[in-house]
Protein backbone atom coordinates (compact mmCIF):
# COMPACT_ATOMS: atom_id res chain seq x y z
CA MET A 1 120.52 92.30 6.55
CA TYR A 2 117.29 93.79 7.93
CA LEU A 3 114.67 91.90 9.64
CA LYS A 4 111.91 92.46 7.50
CA ASP A 5 114.36 91.64 4.60
CA PHE A 6 115.07 88.08 6.29
CA LEU A 7 111.18 87.42 6.88
CA ALA A 8 110.75 88.26 2.64
CA GLN A 9 113.50 86.42 1.39
CA GLU A 10 112.22 83.15 3.87
CA LYS A 11 109.02 83.52 2.28
CA THR A 12 107.28 83.98 5.65
CA ASP A 13 103.99 84.18 5.45
CA LYS A 14 102.88 87.74 5.11
CA ASN A 15 100.57 88.12 7.73
CA LEU A 16 102.67 86.77 9.80
CA ALA A 17 105.68 88.27 9.28
CA GLU A 18 103.58 91.77 9.40
CA VAL A 19 103.09 90.90 13.07
CA ILE A 20 106.80 89.53 13.96
CA LEU A 21 107.77 93.35 12.61
CA PHE A 22 105.07 95.25 14.38
CA LEU A 23 106.17 93.25 18.33
CA SER A 24 110.30 93.90 17.29
CA SER A 25 109.04 97.68 16.68
CA GLN A 26 108.07 97.35 20.59
CA ALA A 27 111.33 96.67 21.67
CA GLN A 28 112.38 100.35 21.76
CA ASP A 29 109.60 101.47 23.81
CA VAL A 30 109.70 99.16 26.67
CA LYS A 31 113.83 100.22 26.56
CA LYS A 32 112.48 103.95 27.02
CA GLY A 33 110.82 102.64 29.93
CA PHE A 34 114.04 101.73 31.37
CA LEU A 35 115.48 104.98 31.33
CA ALA A 36 112.34 106.64 32.78
CA ALA A 37 112.66 104.51 35.51
CA ALA A 38 116.37 104.99 36.31
CA ARG A 39 115.15 108.86 36.00
CA ASN A 40 111.93 108.19 38.36
CA ALA A 41 112.69 105.50 40.46
CA ILE A 42 109.51 104.20 39.25
CA ALA A 43 111.04 100.81 39.13
CA ASP A 44 110.36 100.40 43.21
CA GLU A 45 107.10 100.77 43.43
CA LYS A 46 105.35 97.13 43.20
CA THR A 47 101.88 95.84 43.47
CA LYS A 48 100.77 92.40 43.13
CA ASN A 49 99.69 90.56 39.58
CA MET A 50 97.22 88.14 39.43
CA TYR A 51 99.15 85.69 41.36
CA GLY A 52 100.34 87.28 44.20
CA GLU A 53 103.61 87.73 43.21
CA GLU A 54 105.21 91.23 43.80
CA GLN A 55 104.74 93.62 39.71
CA MET A 56 106.54 95.89 39.12
CA ALA A 57 106.56 99.11 37.27
CA LEU A 58 108.22 98.60 34.36
CA ASP A 59 105.87 94.83 34.24
CA LYS A 60 103.08 97.02 33.81
CA TYR A 61 104.74 99.64 31.60
CA ALA A 62 105.97 96.97 29.14
CA ASP A 63 102.48 94.77 29.51
CA GLY A 64 101.00 98.24 28.38
CA ILE A 65 103.04 98.25 25.33
CA PHE A 66 101.77 95.62 23.72
CA ILE A 67 98.78 95.20 24.70
CA ASN A 68 97.62 98.90 22.98
CA GLY A 69 99.79 98.59 20.14
CA LEU A 70 97.80 95.17 19.32
CA LYS A 71 94.84 96.87 19.96
CA LYS A 72 95.65 99.75 17.92
CA THR A 73 96.51 97.70 14.85
CA ARG A 74 94.34 94.30 15.03
CA LEU A 75 96.79 92.30 13.97
CA VAL A 76 95.70 89.21 15.63
CA ARG A 77 92.80 87.94 17.19
CA SER A 78 93.36 87.38 20.93
CA ILE A 79 96.23 87.67 23.69
CA ALA A 80 97.09 86.34 26.41
CA THR A 81 99.74 88.18 28.85
CA GLU A 82 101.53 87.11 32.06
CA GLU A 83 100.37 90.65 33.75
CA GLN A 84 96.33 89.69 33.04
CA ASP A 85 93.84 87.47 34.31
CA HIS A 86 91.83 87.16 31.36
CA ILE A 87 92.23 86.30 27.62
CA ILE A 88 92.01 89.73 25.58
CA GLU A 89 89.79 89.41 22.41
CA ILE A 90 89.92 92.01 20.05
CA GLU A 91 87.27 93.60 17.66
CA ASN A 92 87.63 93.51 14.12
CA PRO A 93 91.02 91.68 13.85
CA LYS A 94 92.70 91.26 10.99
CA ASN A 95 94.35 88.07 11.47
CA ASP A 96 92.89 84.79 13.47
CA PHE A 97 96.21 84.87 15.56
CA GLY A 98 96.34 84.12 19.23
CA ILE A 99 99.33 85.89 21.10
CA VAL A 100 100.79 84.91 24.54
CA ILE A 101 103.30 87.46 26.12
CA ASP A 102 106.02 87.07 29.17
CA PRO A 103 106.04 91.62 29.22
CA LEU A 104 109.26 90.99 31.14
CA ASP A 105 110.65 88.45 32.21
CA GLY A 106 113.10 88.79 35.21
CA SER A 107 112.46 92.06 36.16
CA SER A 108 112.79 91.60 39.61
CA LEU A 109 116.45 92.47 38.52
CA ILE A 110 116.24 95.73 36.81
CA ASP A 111 117.16 97.18 39.78
CA VAL A 112 120.61 95.86 39.42
CA ASN A 113 120.82 96.14 36.17
CA LEU A 114 121.17 92.65 35.23
CA CYS A 115 119.33 90.66 31.78
CA VAL A 116 116.03 90.43 30.70
CA GLY A 117 113.76 90.26 28.35
CA THR A 118 110.25 89.62 26.57
CA ILE A 119 108.79 86.25 25.65
CA ILE A 120 106.46 85.93 22.35
CA GLY A 121 104.72 82.95 21.30
CA ILE A 122 102.25 83.43 17.98
CA CYS A 123 99.51 80.62 17.88
CA LYS A 124 96.86 80.31 14.61
CA GLY A 125 94.09 79.76 16.30
CA SER A 126 93.55 79.54 19.82
CA VAL A 127 96.20 80.81 22.46
CA LEU A 128 95.37 77.74 24.48
CA ASP A 129 96.63 75.43 21.91
CA ALA A 130 99.59 73.06 22.72
CA GLY A 131 103.12 74.29 22.27
CA LYS A 132 103.21 71.92 18.80
CA ASP A 133 100.64 73.88 17.80
CA MET A 134 102.33 77.70 17.46
CA ILE A 135 103.65 78.95 14.01
CA ALA A 136 106.51 80.99 15.50
CA ALA A 137 108.09 82.47 18.93
CA MET A 138 110.39 85.27 19.80
CA TYR A 139 112.21 86.95 22.22
CA ILE A 140 113.50 90.00 23.02
CA LEU A 141 116.57 90.10 24.91
CA TYR A 142 117.78 93.83 26.73
CA GLY A 143 121.09 93.43 27.58
CA PRO A 144 124.62 95.46 25.96
CA LEU A 145 122.70 94.54 22.52
CA THR A 146 119.43 94.45 22.41
CA THR A 147 118.71 91.32 20.41
CA LEU A 148 115.79 89.49 18.94
CA THR A 149 115.81 85.75 18.59
CA VAL A 150 112.96 84.20 16.51
CA SER A 151 111.91 80.62 14.50
CA ALA A 152 108.84 80.83 12.23
CA GLY A 153 109.35 78.29 10.55
CA SER A 154 112.85 78.66 8.98
CA GLY A 155 115.36 77.92 11.75
CA VAL A 156 115.89 80.13 14.71
CA HIS A 157 117.61 83.33 14.41
CA GLU A 158 119.45 86.01 16.23
CA PHE A 159 119.18 89.74 15.58
CA ALA A 160 120.92 92.57 17.09
CA MET A 161 119.20 96.44 16.98
CA ASP A 162 121.25 99.14 15.63
CA GLU A 163 121.48 102.94 16.39
CA ALA A 164 118.32 103.70 14.59
CA GLY A 165 115.96 100.75 15.88
CA GLU A 166 115.99 98.30 13.41
CA PHE A 167 116.87 94.62 13.85
CA PHE A 168 119.89 93.43 11.40
CA LEU A 169 120.84 89.81 11.20
CA ARG A 170 123.20 88.48 13.71
CA GLN A 171 123.22 85.07 13.49
CA ARG A 172 121.70 82.33 11.02
CA ASP A 173 120.24 78.92 11.75
CA ILE A 174 120.80 78.53 15.85
CA ARG A 175 121.72 75.55 16.37
CA ILE A 176 122.01 74.58 20.27
CA PRO A 177 125.83 72.86 20.63
CA GLU A 178 127.16 70.51 23.05
CA GLY A 179 127.96 72.57 26.79
CA LYS A 180 128.36 71.84 30.33
CA ILE A 181 126.30 74.42 31.26
CA TYR A 182 123.45 73.94 33.84
CA ALA A 183 121.23 76.66 34.92
CA PRO A 184 119.38 75.10 38.05
CA GLY A 185 116.08 76.88 39.58
CA ALA A 186 114.64 76.81 42.91
CA LEU A 187 116.10 76.15 46.43
CA ARG A 188 118.12 72.99 46.72
CA LYS A 189 116.72 71.64 50.16
CA ASP A 190 113.50 71.80 48.25
CA TYR A 191 114.56 69.06 45.82
CA LEU A 192 111.94 66.26 44.74
CA PRO A 193 114.57 63.12 45.07
CA ALA A 194 114.61 62.09 41.72
CA HIS A 195 115.69 66.00 40.10
CA ALA A 196 117.94 66.21 43.37
CA GLN A 197 119.64 63.08 42.09
CA TRP A 198 120.03 63.94 38.31
CA ILE A 199 121.30 67.57 39.78
CA ALA A 200 124.42 65.53 41.49
CA ARG A 201 124.95 63.59 38.46
CA LEU A 202 125.50 66.83 36.11
CA GLU A 203 127.55 68.20 39.19
CA ALA A 204 129.77 65.19 38.92
CA ALA A 205 129.76 65.10 35.06
CA GLY A 206 131.68 68.68 35.36
CA TYR A 207 128.19 70.67 34.26
CA LYS A 208 129.00 74.36 35.57
CA LEU A 209 126.11 76.20 37.31
CA ARG A 210 125.23 79.73 35.71
CA PHE A 211 121.90 80.77 37.12
CA SER A 212 120.88 84.64 36.71
CA GLY A 213 116.99 84.96 37.39
CA SER A 214 115.85 85.57 34.59
CA PHE A 215 114.63 82.61 32.36
CA VAL A 216 115.30 84.12 29.34
CA ALA A 217 118.63 85.26 29.92
CA ASP A 218 119.45 81.66 31.17
CA VAL A 219 117.78 80.09 28.56
CA HIS A 220 119.31 82.08 26.06
CA GLN A 221 122.79 81.25 27.22
CA ILE A 222 122.05 77.36 27.07
CA LEU A 223 120.83 77.97 23.30
CA HIS A 224 124.66 79.67 22.42
CA LYS A 225 126.59 77.31 25.39
CA GLY A 226 125.00 74.03 25.27
CA GLY A 227 123.59 72.44 28.43
CA VAL A 228 120.42 72.50 30.27
CA PHE A 229 117.94 75.41 32.12
CA THR A 230 115.89 73.78 34.78
CA TYR A 231 113.02 74.58 37.20
CA PRO A 232 111.97 71.72 38.43
CA GLY A 233 108.88 71.02 40.69
CA PHE A 234 109.55 70.83 44.33
CA ALA A 235 108.40 70.48 47.73
CA GLY A 236 105.75 72.83 48.28
CA LYS A 237 104.91 74.02 44.38
CA GLU A 238 105.00 70.36 42.82
CA LYS A 239 103.68 71.51 39.40
CA GLY A 240 106.45 74.18 39.30
CA LYS A 241 106.90 77.67 39.01
CA LEU A 242 106.89 78.72 35.61
CA ARG A 243 103.85 79.66 33.30
CA LEU A 244 103.19 76.95 30.72
CA LEU A 245 101.93 79.39 28.12
CA PHE A 246 104.16 82.60 28.83
CA GLU A 247 107.63 81.31 29.38
CA ALA A 248 107.67 76.93 28.35
CA ASN A 249 105.92 77.15 25.50
CA PRO A 250 107.87 79.86 23.46
CA MET A 251 110.96 79.62 24.84
CA GLY A 252 110.19 75.61 24.22
CA LYS A 253 109.50 75.90 20.76
CA ILE A 254 112.93 78.06 20.52
CA ILE A 255 115.05 75.71 21.60
CA THR A 256 113.48 72.44 20.47
CA ASP A 257 113.63 74.21 16.45
CA ALA A 258 117.80 74.86 17.15
CA GLY A 259 118.47 71.24 17.83
CA GLY A 260 117.43 70.73 21.06
CA ALA A 261 114.43 69.47 23.55
CA THR A 262 112.21 70.36 26.88
CA SER A 263 110.52 68.26 29.16
CA ASN A 264 107.95 68.61 31.99
CA GLY A 265 110.42 65.51 33.29
CA LYS A 266 108.11 63.23 31.99
CA THR A 267 106.85 64.15 29.18
CA ALA A 268 107.34 66.88 25.80
CA ILE A 269 106.31 69.74 27.41
CA LEU A 270 105.62 71.43 23.67
CA SER A 271 102.53 67.90 23.45
CA VAL A 272 100.35 69.07 26.35
CA LYS A 273 97.10 70.83 25.83
CA PRO A 274 96.67 73.74 28.10
CA GLU A 275 94.05 74.22 30.64
CA LYS A 276 93.99 77.51 31.82
CA ILE A 277 96.04 80.53 30.93
CA ASP A 278 97.94 80.34 34.42
CA GLN A 279 98.79 77.02 34.40
CA ARG A 280 102.64 76.34 35.37
CA THR A 281 104.99 73.38 34.49
CA PRO A 282 108.07 71.93 35.73
CA VAL A 283 110.59 73.03 33.27
CA TYR A 284 113.61 71.25 31.81
CA ILE A 285 114.95 73.03 28.83
CA GLY A 286 118.48 72.72 26.65
CA GLY A 287 119.68 69.80 24.84
CA LYS A 288 118.43 66.54 23.85
CA LYS A 289 121.17 64.20 25.98
CA GLU A 290 120.31 66.24 29.50
CA ILE A 291 116.57 66.20 28.52
CA ALA A 292 116.48 62.41 27.42
CA SER A 293 118.50 62.47 30.55
CA ILE A 294 116.40 63.82 33.38
CA GLU A 295 113.16 61.24 31.20
CA THR A 296 115.02 58.67 32.39
CA PHE A 297 115.72 59.53 36.49
CA MET A 298 111.50 60.54 36.32
CA ARG A 299 110.95 56.59 35.09
CA GLU A 300 113.28 55.12 36.85
CA ARG A 301 112.62 56.90 40.66
């Protein structure tokens, strides 16, 4: 079953379905950029983004694909992306949706041909709404298969791209299983005490370390195999590294809708009202058991 037919079968709001279908259609254009980068070596061209981080040519390319497409179609009212320092307002929008996008998560892995992805959240109103108010979230994973995972009110479902660029249903109603994988970001020497003790507890319980450096890819593995991903607050960056709007909230919605949980170590991330588009947060995301355990550690220490 193709994505369009699936959304119709699930009785997804037609305006929301139109947005999801448009965003999914941009995957092919993003993929074309990978081939161009390999041929022209543009992946080695780097600038700095608004956060002072290295920004690869493909980050900017993917950002342009989504922004220009959304401006042309006028399907949403506002757009916030990880590559821009302001919220983009669309003139005469057809809908009141707000879109948050990490156009190319994990782009530092492109030059070694590892998995990267696009993360998207869809809000009914402002892009600065709390994550719990998101009406849909999705991510596109550019790996051996190009896959789309989406949650739009009827569970979490995965689609794969065929030869014609169409997404067909691969797995319906994904539920995060029990598992013993942990994907830990940040340097161990910089861990804060409670987090370090919690990691030691996971290791003692037999959790296996699996960390690629691509947030979207690592969380995708947790979704399918169970366990927990974490990029905590750490020495020098106690507020964390990952962005609340572009990374934590959309992926948090998907994991939560699949029966998991997400936390900043003290409270559910999806309950946090963003104050600005570049707000950062510690991230713990995965099975409910693991998330409950880190919150217990944080309370007791």
